[in-house]
């Protein structure tokens, strides 16, 4: 009887592990790269850390950059276009 219960518990655990792996495998890489709103990200211009939820987001060359202000975003856009 204990063997059956142990096997059932192992099968349930295996099921949830496989299901989680398949969900992560099926997600596009862009969704995995998006940080949570409370994650602190460094501004590439002035090196200040800002929460991703309040940051100014700008896509440059297919990559998202996070800025503390519009001035930093404009400065980065000017520098990257050179």
C-alpha atoms as a PDB file:
ATOM      1  CA  UNK A   1       0.000   0.000   0.000  1.00  0.00           C
ATOM      2  CA  UNK A   2       2.828   2.405   0.882  1.00  0.00           C
ATOM      3  CA  UNK A   3       4.538   1.677  -2.401  1.00  0.00           C
ATOM      4  CA  UNK A   4       1.438   2.728  -4.339  1.00  0.00           C
ATOM      5  CA  UNK A   5       1.111   5.968  -2.365  1.00  0.00           C
ATOM      6  CA  UNK A   6       4.807   6.736  -2.855  1.00  0.00           C
ATOM      7  CA  UNK A   7       4.573   6.078  -6.585  1.00  0.00           C
ATOM      8  CA  UNK A   8       1.488   8.313  -6.882  1.00  0.00           C
ATOM      9  CA  UNK A   9       3.212  11.142  -5.021  1.00  0.00           C
ATOM     10  CA  UNK A  10       6.278  10.830  -7.258  1.00  0.00           C
ATOM     11  CA  UNK A  11       4.090  10.855 -10.372  1.00  0.00           C
ATOM     12  CA  UNK A  12       2.312  14.026  -9.215  1.00  0.00           C
ATOM     13  CA  UNK A  13       5.635  15.747  -8.513  1.00  0.00           C
ATOM     14  CA  UNK A  14       6.981  14.642 -11.880  1.00  0.00           C
ATOM     15  CA  UNK A  15       3.849  15.917 -13.611  1.00  0.00           C
ATOM     16  CA  UNK A  16       4.223  19.408 -12.094  1.00  0.00           C
ATOM     17  CA  UNK A  17       7.931  19.535 -12.899  1.00  0.00           C
ATOM     18  CA  UNK A  18       7.341  18.595 -16.542  1.00  0.00           C
ATOM     19  CA  UNK A  19       4.448  21.036 -16.826  1.00  0.00           C
ATOM     20  CA  UNK A  20       6.571  23.893 -15.486  1.00  0.00           C
ATOM     21  CA  UNK A  21       9.469  23.047 -17.796  1.00  0.00           C
ATOM     22  CA  UNK A  22       7.157  22.989 -20.816  1.00  0.00           C
ATOM     23  CA  UNK A  23       5.659  26.352 -19.907  1.00  0.00           C
ATOM     24  CA  UNK A  24       9.079  27.970 -19.615  1.00  0.00           C
ATOM     25  CA  UNK A  25      10.276  26.314 -22.801  1.00  0.00           C
ATOM     26  CA  UNK A  26       7.235  27.546 -24.735  1.00  0.00           C
ATOM     27  CA  UNK A  27       7.622  31.202 -23.739  1.00  0.00           C
ATOM     28  CA  UNK A  28       9.233  33.574 -26.199  1.00  0.00           C
ATOM     29  CA  UNK A  29      12.603  34.874 -25.032  1.00  0.00           C
ATOM     30  CA  UNK A  30      11.355  38.475 -25.046  1.00  0.00           C
ATOM     31  CA  UNK A  31       8.824  37.654 -22.321  1.00  0.00           C
ATOM     32  CA  UNK A  32      11.537  36.107 -20.165  1.00  0.00           C
ATOM     33  CA  UNK A  33      13.704  39.214 -20.475  1.00  0.00           C
ATOM     34  CA  UNK A  34      11.107  41.650 -19.151  1.00  0.00           C
ATOM     35  CA  UNK A  35      11.945  42.489 -15.540  1.00  0.00           C
ATOM     36  CA  UNK A  36       9.320  42.822 -12.826  1.00  0.00           C
ATOM     37  CA  UNK A  37       8.088  46.300 -11.921  1.00  0.00           C
ATOM     38  CA  UNK A  38       9.981  46.284  -8.611  1.00  0.00           C
ATOM     39  CA  UNK A  39      13.335  45.227 -10.085  1.00  0.00           C
ATOM     40  CA  UNK A  40      15.983  47.928  -9.926  1.00  0.00           C
ATOM     41  CA  UNK A  41      17.711  48.577 -13.252  1.00  0.00           C
ATOM     42  CA  UNK A  42      20.695  50.829 -13.875  1.00  0.00           C
ATOM     43  CA  UNK A  43      20.232  53.775 -16.229  1.00  0.00           C
ATOM     44  CA  UNK A  44      22.944  53.426 -18.951  1.00  0.00           C
ATOM     45  CA  UNK A  45      23.518  57.202 -19.106  1.00  0.00           C
ATOM     46  CA  UNK A  46      23.740  58.521 -15.541  1.00  0.00           C
ATOM     47  CA  UNK A  47      24.222  55.119 -13.808  1.00  0.00           C
ATOM     48  CA  UNK A  48      21.340  55.734 -11.363  1.00  0.00           C
ATOM     49  CA  UNK A  49      19.226  52.735 -10.338  1.00  0.00           C
ATOM     50  CA  UNK A  50      15.520  53.068 -11.090  1.00  0.00           C
ATOM     51  CA  UNK A  51      12.574  50.709 -10.568  1.00  0.00           C
ATOM     52  CA  UNK A  52      11.547  49.088 -13.849  1.00  0.00           C
ATOM     53  CA  UNK A  53       7.897  49.971 -13.191  1.00  0.00           C
ATOM     54  CA  UNK A  54       8.615  53.716 -13.049  1.00  0.00           C
ATOM     55  CA  UNK A  55      11.417  53.875 -15.635  1.00  0.00           C
ATOM     56  CA  UNK A  56      11.223  55.418 -19.085  1.00  0.00           C
ATOM     57  CA  UNK A  57      11.495  52.488 -21.528  1.00  0.00           C
ATOM     58  CA  UNK A  58      12.989  52.977 -24.961  1.00  0.00           C
ATOM     59  CA  UNK A  59      13.701  50.286 -27.549  1.00  0.00           C
ATOM     60  CA  UNK A  60      16.954  50.731 -29.444  1.00  0.00           C
ATOM     61  CA  UNK A  61      18.147  48.094 -31.881  1.00  0.00           C
ATOM     62  CA  UNK A  62      15.596  45.531 -30.681  1.00  0.00           C
ATOM     63  CA  UNK A  63      16.668  45.841 -27.030  1.00  0.00           C
ATOM     64  CA  UNK A  64      14.804  47.642 -24.257  1.00  0.00           C
ATOM     65  CA  UNK A  65      16.703  50.266 -22.264  1.00  0.00           C
ATOM     66  CA  UNK A  66      15.431  51.781 -19.023  1.00  0.00           C
ATOM     67  CA  UNK A  67      16.051  55.418 -18.065  1.00  0.00           C
ATOM     68  CA  UNK A  68      15.435  57.553 -15.000  1.00  0.00           C
ATOM     69  CA  UNK A  69      14.254  60.560 -17.038  1.00  0.00           C
ATOM     70  CA  UNK A  70      13.347  61.759 -20.513  1.00  0.00           C
ATOM     71  CA  UNK A  71      16.627  63.721 -20.653  1.00  0.00           C
ATOM     72  CA  UNK A  72      18.672  60.550 -20.208  1.00  0.00           C
ATOM     73  CA  UNK A  73      16.582  58.779 -22.849  1.00  0.00           C
ATOM     74  CA  UNK A  74      17.121  61.623 -25.352  1.00  0.00           C
ATOM     75  CA  UNK A  75      20.858  61.737 -24.585  1.00  0.00           C
ATOM     76  CA  UNK A  76      21.133  57.974 -25.135  1.00  0.00           C
ATOM     77  CA  UNK A  77      19.194  58.199 -28.410  1.00  0.00           C
ATOM     78  CA  UNK A  78      21.528  60.962 -29.650  1.00  0.00           C
ATOM     79  CA  UNK A  79      24.659  59.014 -28.679  1.00  0.00           C
ATOM     80  CA  UNK A  80      23.464  55.715 -30.139  1.00  0.00           C
ATOM     81  CA  UNK A  81      22.549  57.313 -33.483  1.00  0.00           C
ATOM     82  CA  UNK A  82      26.143  58.470 -34.043  1.00  0.00           C
END
